[in-house]
C-alpha atoms as a PDB file:
ATOM      1  CA  MET A   1      -9.895 -17.751  -7.109  1.00  0.00           C
ATOM      2  CA  PRO A   2      -7.175 -15.554  -8.635  1.00  0.00           C
ATOM      3  CA  GLU A   3      -6.905 -15.707 -12.401  1.00  0.00           C
ATOM      4  CA  LYS A   4      -4.172 -15.071 -14.935  1.00  0.00           C
ATOM      5  CA  TYR A   5      -4.418 -12.072 -17.244  1.00  0.00           C
ATOM      6  CA  ILE A   6      -2.360 -10.790 -20.138  1.00  0.00           C
ATOM      7  CA  CYS A   7      -2.757  -7.024 -19.904  1.00  0.00           C
ATOM      8  CA  GLU A   8      -1.681  -4.374 -22.398  1.00  0.00           C
ATOM      9  CA  ILE A   9       0.211  -1.389 -21.030  1.00  0.00           C
ATOM     10  CA  ILE A  10      -1.332   1.890 -22.170  1.00  0.00           C
ATOM     11  CA  GLU A  11       0.939   4.305 -20.305  1.00  0.00           C
ATOM     12  CA  ALA A  12       4.408   4.196 -18.745  1.00  0.00           C
ATOM     13  CA  THR A  13       5.681   7.180 -16.747  1.00  0.00           C
ATOM     14  CA  ILE A  14       8.514   8.029 -14.349  1.00  0.00           C
ATOM     15  CA  PRO A  15       7.108  10.132 -11.449  1.00  0.00           C
ATOM     16  CA  THR A  16      10.545  10.574  -9.823  1.00  0.00           C
ATOM     17  CA  ASP A  17      14.048   9.184 -10.219  1.00  0.00           C
ATOM     18  CA  ASN A  18      13.972   5.393  -9.874  1.00  0.00           C
ATOM     19  CA  VAL A  19      10.170   5.309  -9.428  1.00  0.00           C
ATOM     20  CA  HIS A  20       8.028   4.104 -12.313  1.00  0.00           C
ATOM     21  CA  ALA A  21       4.282   3.881 -12.970  1.00  0.00           C
ATOM     22  CA  LEU A  22       2.539   1.529 -15.377  1.00  0.00           C
ATOM     23  CA  THR A  23      -1.106   1.779 -16.391  1.00  0.00           C
ATOM     24  CA  PHE A  24      -2.620  -1.235 -18.123  1.00  0.00           C
ATOM     25  CA  ILE A  25      -6.041  -2.376 -19.227  1.00  0.00           C
ATOM     26  CA  SER A  26      -8.168  -5.301 -18.031  1.00  0.00           C
ATOM     27  CA  ALA A  27     -11.897  -4.808 -17.536  1.00  0.00           C
ATOM     28  CA  ASP A  28     -12.342  -8.004 -15.510  1.00  0.00           C
ATOM     29  CA  LEU A  29      -9.337  -7.426 -13.258  1.00  0.00           C
ATOM     30  CA  ALA A  30     -10.367  -3.808 -12.664  1.00  0.00           C
ATOM     31  CA  GLU A  31     -13.876  -4.883 -11.673  1.00  0.00           C
ATOM     32  CA  ARG A  32     -12.624  -7.528  -9.234  1.00  0.00           C
ATOM     33  CA  ALA A  33      -9.840  -5.521  -7.587  1.00  0.00           C
ATOM     34  CA  ARG A  34     -10.300  -4.122  -4.078  1.00  0.00           C
ATOM     35  CA  ALA A  35      -8.182  -1.586  -2.208  1.00  0.00           C
ATOM     36  CA  GLY A  36      -5.290  -3.239  -0.394  1.00  0.00           C
ATOM     37  CA  GLN A  37      -5.063  -6.248  -2.683  1.00  0.00           C
ATOM     38  CA  PHE A  38      -1.994  -6.922  -4.811  1.00  0.00           C
ATOM     39  CA  LEU A  39      -1.014  -8.300  -8.208  1.00  0.00           C
ATOM     40  CA  HIS A  40       1.653 -10.921  -8.883  1.00  0.00           C
ATOM     41  CA  ILE A  41       3.473  -9.939 -12.070  1.00  0.00           C
ATOM     42  CA  LYS A  42       5.923 -11.976 -14.087  1.00  0.00           C
ATOM     43  CA  CYS A  43       9.075  -9.914 -14.637  1.00  0.00           C
ATOM     44  CA  GLY A  44      10.813 -11.572 -17.591  1.00  0.00           C
ATOM     45  CA  ASP A  45      10.788 -15.110 -18.945  1.00  0.00           C
ATOM     46  CA  GLU A  46      13.929 -16.203 -17.103  1.00  0.00           C
ATOM     47  CA  ARG A  47      12.571 -15.398 -13.607  1.00  0.00           C
ATOM     48  CA  ILE A  48      10.445 -18.091 -11.980  1.00  0.00           C
ATOM     49  CA  LEU A  49       9.179 -16.056  -9.040  1.00  0.00           C
ATOM     50  CA  ARG A  50       6.710 -13.297  -9.735  1.00  0.00           C
ATOM     51  CA  ARG A  51       6.874  -9.933  -7.971  1.00  0.00           C
ATOM     52  CA  PRO A  52       4.008  -8.560  -5.841  1.00  0.00           C
ATOM     53  CA  PHE A  53       2.728  -5.013  -6.491  1.00  0.00           C
ATOM     54  CA  GLY A  54      -0.005  -3.181  -4.615  1.00  0.00           C
ATOM     55  CA  ILE A  55      -2.740  -1.670  -6.744  1.00  0.00           C
ATOM     56  CA  CYS A  56      -2.384   2.104  -6.828  1.00  0.00           C
ATOM     57  CA  GLU A  57      -5.459   3.089  -8.782  1.00  0.00           C
ATOM     58  CA  VAL A  58      -8.410   1.672 -10.678  1.00  0.00           C
ATOM     59  CA  SER A  59     -10.194   3.840 -13.231  1.00  0.00           C
ATOM     60  CA  GLY A  60     -12.781   2.291 -15.515  1.00  0.00           C
ATOM     61  CA  ASP A  61     -11.103  -0.654 -17.233  1.00  0.00           C
ATOM     62  CA  THR A  62      -7.566   0.366 -16.262  1.00  0.00           C
ATOM     63  CA  LEU A  63      -5.289  -0.272 -13.288  1.00  0.00           C
ATOM     64  CA  LYS A  64      -2.060   1.409 -12.217  1.00  0.00           C
ATOM     65  CA  ILE A  65       0.936   0.249 -10.213  1.00  0.00           C
ATOM     66  CA  VAL A  66       3.769   2.424  -8.925  1.00  0.00           C
ATOM     67  CA  PHE A  67       7.084   0.846  -7.978  1.00  0.00           C
ATOM     68  CA  GLU A  68      10.733   1.519  -7.248  1.00  0.00           C
ATOM     69  CA  VAL A  69      13.534  -0.187  -9.148  1.00  0.00           C
ATOM     70  CA  LYS A  70      15.321  -2.376  -6.592  1.00  0.00           C
ATOM     71  CA  GLY A  71      16.570  -5.406  -8.498  1.00  0.00           C
ATOM     72  CA  GLU A  72      16.595  -7.217 -11.815  1.00  0.00           C
ATOM     73  CA  GLY A  73      12.867  -7.958 -11.774  1.00  0.00           C
ATOM     74  CA  THR A  74      11.746  -4.374 -11.226  1.00  0.00           C
ATOM     75  CA  ARG A  75      14.460  -3.162 -13.629  1.00  0.00           C
ATOM     76  CA  TRP A  76      12.916  -5.373 -16.314  1.00  0.00           C
ATOM     77  CA  LEU A  77       9.468  -4.038 -15.458  1.00  0.00           C
ATOM     78  CA  ALA A  78      10.710  -0.443 -15.632  1.00  0.00           C
ATOM     79  CA  GLY A  79      11.752  -1.109 -19.228  1.00  0.00           C
ATOM     80  CA  ARG A  80       8.215  -1.859 -20.358  1.00  0.00           C
ATOM     81  CA  LYS A  81       6.438   0.699 -22.517  1.00  0.00           C
ATOM     82  CA  ALA A  82       2.991   1.370 -23.975  1.00  0.00           C
ATOM     83  CA  GLY A  83       1.932  -1.503 -26.208  1.00  0.00           C
ATOM     84  CA  ASP A  84       3.861  -4.145 -24.231  1.00  0.00           C
ATOM     85  CA  THR A  85       1.950  -6.752 -22.232  1.00  0.00           C
ATOM     86  CA  LEU A  86       2.160  -7.940 -18.632  1.00  0.00           C
ATOM     87  CA  ASP A  87       1.522 -11.469 -17.360  1.00  0.00           C
ATOM     88  CA  ILE A  88      -0.494 -10.934 -14.162  1.00  0.00           C
ATOM     89  CA  ILE A  89      -2.102 -13.181 -11.559  1.00  0.00           C
ATOM     90  CA  GLY A  90      -4.651 -11.488  -9.321  1.00  0.00           C
ATOM     91  CA  PRO A  91      -6.226  -9.875  -7.561  1.00  0.00           C
ATOM     92  CA  LEU A  92      -4.623 -11.545  -4.545  1.00  0.00           C
ATOM     93  CA  GLY A  93      -4.930 -11.222  -0.781  1.00  0.00           C
ATOM     94  CA  ASN A  94      -7.424  -9.643   1.564  1.00  0.00           C
ATOM     95  CA  GLY A  95      -7.726  -5.896   1.196  1.00  0.00           C
ATOM     96  CA  PHE A  96      -8.943  -3.107   3.437  1.00  0.00           C
ATOM     97  CA  LYS A  97     -12.388  -3.257   4.975  1.00  0.00           C
ATOM     98  CA  ILE A  98     -13.426   0.284   4.137  1.00  0.00           C
ATOM     99  CA  PRO A  99     -15.569   1.438   7.077  1.00  0.00           C
ATOM    100  CA  ASP A 100     -18.409   3.896   7.082  1.00  0.00           C
ATOM    101  CA  GLY A 101     -17.551   7.317   8.444  1.00  0.00           C
ATOM    102  CA  ASN A 102     -14.463   9.486   8.142  1.00  0.00           C
ATOM    103  CA  ILE A 103     -11.107   7.780   7.647  1.00  0.00           C
ATOM    104  CA  ILE A 104      -7.453   8.724   7.595  1.00  0.00           C
ATOM    105  CA  VAL A 105      -5.145   6.993   5.113  1.00  0.00           C
ATOM    106  CA  VAL A 106      -1.450   7.068   6.010  1.00  0.00           C
ATOM    107  CA  GLY A 107       1.173   6.238   3.399  1.00  0.00           C
ATOM    108  CA  GLY A 108       4.919   6.117   3.871  1.00  0.00           C
ATOM    109  CA  GLY A 109       7.161   6.311   0.792  1.00  0.00           C
ATOM    110  CA  LEU A 110       6.282   3.558  -1.669  1.00  0.00           C
ATOM    111  CA  GLY A 111       3.507   2.530   0.722  1.00  0.00           C
ATOM    112  CA  SER A 112       1.599   5.585  -0.491  1.00  0.00           C
ATOM    113  CA  PRO A 113       0.366   4.237  -3.876  1.00  0.00           C
ATOM    114  CA  PRO A 114      -1.937   1.539  -2.411  1.00  0.00           C
ATOM    115  CA  MET A 115      -3.443   4.163  -0.118  1.00  0.00           C
ATOM    116  CA  LEU A 116      -4.637   6.156  -3.142  1.00  0.00           C
ATOM    117  CA  PHE A 117      -6.884   3.236  -4.117  1.00  0.00           C
ATOM    118  CA  ALA A 118      -8.111   3.104  -0.502  1.00  0.00           C
ATOM    119  CA  ALA A 119      -8.852   6.837  -0.547  1.00  0.00           C
ATOM    120  CA  GLU A 120     -10.771   6.460  -3.804  1.00  0.00           C
ATOM    121  CA  SER A 121     -12.794   3.656  -2.208  1.00  0.00           C
ATOM    122  CA  ALA A 122     -13.769   5.669   0.892  1.00  0.00           C
ATOM    123  CA  LYS A 123     -17.476   5.856   1.669  1.00  0.00           C
ATOM    124  CA  SER A 124     -17.328   9.243   3.421  1.00  0.00           C
ATOM    125  CA  GLY A 125     -14.740  11.896   4.221  1.00  0.00           C
ATOM    126  CA  VAL A 126     -11.076  10.975   3.837  1.00  0.00           C
ATOM    127  CA  THR A 127      -7.869  12.651   4.995  1.00  0.00           C
ATOM    128  CA  ALA A 128      -4.474  11.578   3.668  1.00  0.00           C
ATOM    129  CA  ILE A 129      -1.133  11.822   5.461  1.00  0.00           C
ATOM    130  CA  LEU A 130       1.829  11.078   3.207  1.00  0.00           C
ATOM    131  CA  GLY A 131       5.406  10.783   4.423  1.00  0.00           C
ATOM    132  CA  PHE A 132       8.641  10.813   2.395  1.00  0.00           C
ATOM    133  CA  ARG A 133      12.359  11.196   3.065  1.00  0.00           C
ATOM    134  CA  ASP A 134      12.682  14.429   1.106  1.00  0.00           C
ATOM    135  CA  ALA A 135      11.021  16.554  -1.583  1.00  0.00           C
ATOM    136  CA  GLY A 136      12.712  14.611  -4.379  1.00  0.00           C
ATOM    137  CA  ARG A 137      10.869  11.435  -3.414  1.00  0.00           C
ATOM    138  CA  VAL A 138       7.349  12.886  -3.182  1.00  0.00           C
ATOM    139  CA  ILE A 139       4.763  11.248  -5.453  1.00  0.00           C
ATOM    140  CA  LEU A 140       1.011  11.275  -6.138  1.00  0.00           C
ATOM    141  CA  VAL A 141       0.175  14.430  -4.177  1.00  0.00           C
ATOM    142  CA  SER A 142      -2.133  15.870  -6.862  1.00  0.00           C
ATOM    143  CA  GLU A 143      -3.880  12.498  -7.209  1.00  0.00           C
ATOM    144  CA  PHE A 144      -4.573  12.383  -3.464  1.00  0.00           C
ATOM    145  CA  GLU A 145      -5.731  16.007  -3.464  1.00  0.00           C
ATOM    146  CA  ALA A 146      -8.295  15.138  -6.152  1.00  0.00           C
ATOM    147  CA  VAL A 147     -10.051  12.548  -3.961  1.00  0.00           C
ATOM    148  CA  CYS A 148      -9.345  13.632  -0.367  1.00  0.00           C
ATOM    149  CA  ASP A 149     -10.794  16.387   1.795  1.00  0.00           C
ATOM    150  CA  ARG A 150      -7.348  17.170   3.196  1.00  0.00           C
ATOM    151  CA  VAL A 151      -3.798  16.078   2.415  1.00  0.00           C
ATOM    152  CA  TYR A 152      -0.931  16.443   4.891  1.00  0.00           C
ATOM    153  CA  LEU A 153       2.588  16.030   3.529  1.00  0.00           C
ATOM    154  CA  THR A 154       5.617  15.298   5.695  1.00  0.00           C
ATOM    155  CA  THR A 155       9.304  14.934   4.844  1.00  0.00           C
ATOM    156  CA  ASP A 156      12.055  13.736   7.150  1.00  0.00           C
ATOM    157  CA  ASP A 157      14.288  16.698   6.302  1.00  0.00           C
ATOM    158  CA  GLY A 158      11.547  19.337   6.094  1.00  0.00           C
ATOM    159  CA  SER A 159      12.271  20.091   2.439  1.00  0.00           C
ATOM    160  CA  LEU A 160       8.530  19.965   1.690  1.00  0.00           C
ATOM    161  CA  GLY A 161       5.483  20.044   3.914  1.00  0.00           C
ATOM    162  CA  ILE A 162       5.739  19.285   7.636  1.00  0.00           C
ATOM    163  CA  ARG A 163       9.175  18.389   8.957  1.00  0.00           C
ATOM    164  CA  GLY A 164       9.248  15.010  10.659  1.00  0.00           C
ATOM    165  CA  GLN A 165       7.194  11.841  10.716  1.00  0.00           C
ATOM    166  CA  VAL A 166       3.586  11.126   9.722  1.00  0.00           C
ATOM    167  CA  THR A 167       2.790  10.560  13.390  1.00  0.00           C
ATOM    168  CA  ARG A 168       2.957  14.301  14.072  1.00  0.00           C
ATOM    169  CA  PRO A 169      -0.145  15.356  12.094  1.00  0.00           C
ATOM    170  CA  LEU A 170      -1.787  11.994  12.808  1.00  0.00           C
ATOM    171  CA  GLU A 171      -1.703  12.478  16.560  1.00  0.00           C
ATOM    172  CA  GLU A 172      -3.185  15.956  16.226  1.00  0.00           C
ATOM    173  CA  LEU A 173      -6.066  14.578  14.173  1.00  0.00           C
ATOM    174  CA  LEU A 174      -6.661  11.631  16.502  1.00  0.00           C
ATOM    175  CA  ALA A 175      -6.635  13.915  19.544  1.00  0.00           C
ATOM    176  CA  ALA A 176      -9.265  16.083  17.853  1.00  0.00           C
ATOM    177  CA  GLY A 177     -11.459  13.001  17.370  1.00  0.00           C
ATOM    178  CA  CYS A 178     -12.050  13.727  13.702  1.00  0.00           C
ATOM    179  CA  CYS A 179     -11.863  10.215  12.275  1.00  0.00           C
ATOM    180  CA  ASP A 180     -13.464   6.801  12.734  1.00  0.00           C
ATOM    181  CA  ALA A 181     -10.614   4.616  11.434  1.00  0.00           C
ATOM    182  CA  VAL A 182      -7.044   4.704  10.151  1.00  0.00           C
ATOM    183  CA  LEU A 183      -5.688   2.679   7.218  1.00  0.00           C
ATOM    184  CA  THR A 184      -1.954   2.564   6.576  1.00  0.00           C
ATOM    185  CA  CYS A 185       0.803   1.104   4.412  1.00  0.00           C
ATOM    186  CA  GLY A 186       4.543   1.725   4.434  1.00  0.00           C
ATOM    187  CA  GLN A 187       7.664   0.852   6.362  1.00  0.00           C
ATOM    188  CA  LEU A 188       6.986  -1.470   9.299  1.00  0.00           C
ATOM    189  CA  VAL A 189       8.548   0.984  11.760  1.00  0.00           C
ATOM    190  CA  MET A 190       6.106   3.653  10.623  1.00  0.00           C
ATOM    191  CA  GLN A 191       3.144   1.304  10.710  1.00  0.00           C
ATOM    192  CA  ARG A 192       3.916   0.203  14.241  1.00  0.00           C
ATOM    193  CA  ALA A 193       4.091   3.837  15.358  1.00  0.00           C
ATOM    194  CA  VAL A 194       0.757   4.555  13.644  1.00  0.00           C
ATOM    195  CA  ALA A 195      -0.820   1.466  15.234  1.00  0.00           C
ATOM    196  CA  GLU A 196       0.372   2.430  18.703  1.00  0.00           C
ATOM    197  CA  LEU A 197      -1.062   5.927  18.340  1.00  0.00           C
ATOM    198  CA  CYS A 198      -4.388   4.448  17.306  1.00  0.00           C
ATOM    199  CA  VAL A 199      -4.421   2.220  20.378  1.00  0.00           C
ATOM    200  CA  ARG A 200      -3.675   5.248  22.558  1.00  0.00           C
ATOM    201  CA  TYR A 201      -6.634   7.172  21.122  1.00  0.00           C
ATOM    202  CA  GLY A 202      -8.995   4.212  20.777  1.00  0.00           C
ATOM    203  CA  THR A 203      -9.191   4.411  16.991  1.00  0.00           C
ATOM    204  CA  PRO A 204      -9.515   1.246  14.847  1.00  0.00           C
ATOM    205  CA  CYS A 205      -6.505   0.718  12.577  1.00  0.00           C
ATOM    206  CA  GLN A 206      -5.786  -1.567   9.645  1.00  0.00           C
ATOM    207  CA  VAL A 207      -2.228  -2.127   8.411  1.00  0.00           C
ATOM    208  CA  SER A 208      -1.013  -3.434   5.055  1.00  0.00           C
ATOM    209  CA  LEU A 209       2.163  -5.420   5.680  1.00  0.00           C
ATOM    210  CA  GLU A 210       4.965  -5.407   3.163  1.00  0.00           C
ATOM    211  CA  GLU A 211       6.783  -8.730   3.013  1.00  0.00           C
ATOM    212  CA  ARG A 212       8.669 -10.472   0.226  1.00  0.00           C
ATOM    213  CA  MET A 213       6.330 -13.032  -1.335  1.00  0.00           C
ATOM    214  CA  GLY A 214       7.082 -16.173  -3.290  1.00  0.00           C
ATOM    215  CA  CYS A 215       4.006 -18.013  -4.504  1.00  0.00           C
ATOM    216  CA  GLY A 216       1.400 -15.345  -3.638  1.00  0.00           C
ATOM    217  CA  ILE A 217      -1.185 -17.954  -2.586  1.00  0.00           C
ATOM    218  CA  GLY A 218       0.037 -19.087   0.846  1.00  0.00           C
ATOM    219  CA  ALA A 219       1.853 -22.277  -0.145  1.00  0.00           C
ATOM    220  CA  CYS A 220       5.546 -21.407   0.238  1.00  0.00           C
ATOM    221  CA  LEU A 221       5.543 -19.657   3.668  1.00  0.00           C
ATOM    222  CA  VAL A 222       8.102 -17.053   2.524  1.00  0.00           C
ATOM    223  CA  CYS A 223       5.905 -14.220   3.788  1.00  0.00           C
ATOM    224  CA  ALA A 224       4.989 -15.705   7.180  1.00  0.00           C
ATOM    225  CA  CYS A 225       4.338 -13.160   9.931  1.00  0.00           C
ATOM    226  CA  GLN A 226       3.402 -13.462  13.583  1.00  0.00           C
ATOM    227  CA  THR A 227      -0.139 -12.524  14.584  1.00  0.00           C
ATOM    228  CA  ARG A 228      -2.267 -12.787  17.713  1.00  0.00           C
ATOM    229  CA  LYS A 229      -5.956 -13.688  18.084  1.00  0.00           C
ATOM    230  CA  ASN A 230      -7.936 -14.392  21.244  1.00  0.00           C
ATOM    231  CA  GLY A 231      -4.773 -14.353  23.330  1.00  0.00           C
ATOM    232  CA  ARG A 232      -2.955 -16.943  21.175  1.00  0.00           C
ATOM    233  CA  GLU A 233      -0.168 -16.332  18.684  1.00  0.00           C
ATOM    234  CA  TYR A 234      -0.221 -17.728  15.158  1.00  0.00           C
ATOM    235  CA  MET A 235       1.974 -17.649  12.078  1.00  0.00           C
ATOM    236  CA  SER A 236      -0.055 -16.013   9.325  1.00  0.00           C
ATOM    237  CA  ARG A 237       0.808 -15.634   5.670  1.00  0.00           C
ATOM    238  CA  VAL A 238       0.803 -12.082   4.363  1.00  0.00           C
ATOM    239  CA  CYS A 239      -0.188 -13.102   0.838  1.00  0.00           C
ATOM    240  CA  ARG A 240      -3.156 -15.246   1.859  1.00  0.00           C
ATOM    241  CA  ASP A 241      -4.267 -13.984   5.276  1.00  0.00           C
ATOM    242  CA  GLY A 242      -3.305 -10.374   4.513  1.00  0.00           C
ATOM    243  CA  PRO A 243      -1.690  -8.260   3.311  1.00  0.00           C
ATOM    244  CA  VAL A 244      -4.146  -6.191   5.360  1.00  0.00           C
ATOM    245  CA  PHE A 245      -4.531  -7.038   9.044  1.00  0.00           C
ATOM    246  CA  ASP A 246      -6.233  -5.440  12.007  1.00  0.00           C
ATOM    247  CA  ALA A 247      -3.323  -3.630  13.667  1.00  0.00           C
ATOM    248  CA  THR A 248      -4.108  -5.193  17.066  1.00  0.00           C
ATOM    249  CA  GLU A 249      -3.489  -8.674  15.609  1.00  0.00           C
ATOM    250  CA  VAL A 250       0.088  -8.001  14.471  1.00  0.00           C
ATOM    251  CA  VAL A 251       2.974  -9.071  16.709  1.00  0.00           C
ATOM    252  CA  TRP A 252       5.514  -6.410  15.792  1.00  0.00           C
ATOM    253  CA  ARG A 253       9.144  -7.447  15.538  1.00  0.00           C
ATOM    254  CA  ALA A 254      11.734  -5.840  17.811  1.00  0.00           C
ATOM    255  CA  GLU A 255      13.328  -3.940  14.928  1.00  0.00           C
ATOM    256  CA  CYS A 256       9.999  -2.195  14.306  1.00  0.00           C
ATOM    257  CA  ILE A 257      10.149  -0.284  17.580  1.00  0.00           C
ATOM    258  CA  ALA A 258       9.840   3.434  16.905  1.00  0.00           C
ATOM    259  CA  VAL A 259       9.681   6.574  18.965  1.00  0.00           C
ATOM    260  CA  VAL A 260       6.485   8.546  18.382  1.00  0.00           C
END
């Protein structure tokens, strides 16, 4: 069962404009956390609903989250500093099943931070493919380089790394048969494209869906998503049944269609 923690922030940084990182301490939470799970954090006393944040990194007794300021809740969170405390419920959800063998982790934009924790949890060789809009939005490259065998960087405008989408280096790697599984998090359009490539090359794929969550425990149905098992379709809850799903189980929405 998820528990409530009051965690002290020990470091607050700003990796890029509008993107913030908070590192806080909780020995018990750090021990229980698994890659792909998330934390539900209270963002100010006047806000009833908590905000979900994927776990970016666990090191000893500390955990780190990385987030973009998008509204009042994240703006409040961005104002926290070392010495402040966070009211956290977690860890929540089902994370990645880290397989044996070589894996590729694919992160798109703010879907990249949770993939760092997945890369750190890898049992064998790991390759990272990270995609961003432009050079000004790139984060965590040195952290990925410290734990991965190879890191491929793509930007939509070509201002840094490979020009184009993450699917370009991914397809080359899948065609070469150099990995046993792919794990991914990011925009749904990107994840669908990654999943379809994995189907084409017969490579298992796990996706971490990003949906707005209310309760975080499966009671409110805000984060319902359509999935398929044994030929039948079901409504699953991202917070309870996910956020990580086998890519073949996800019924992708029409707006997630992408050209690979």
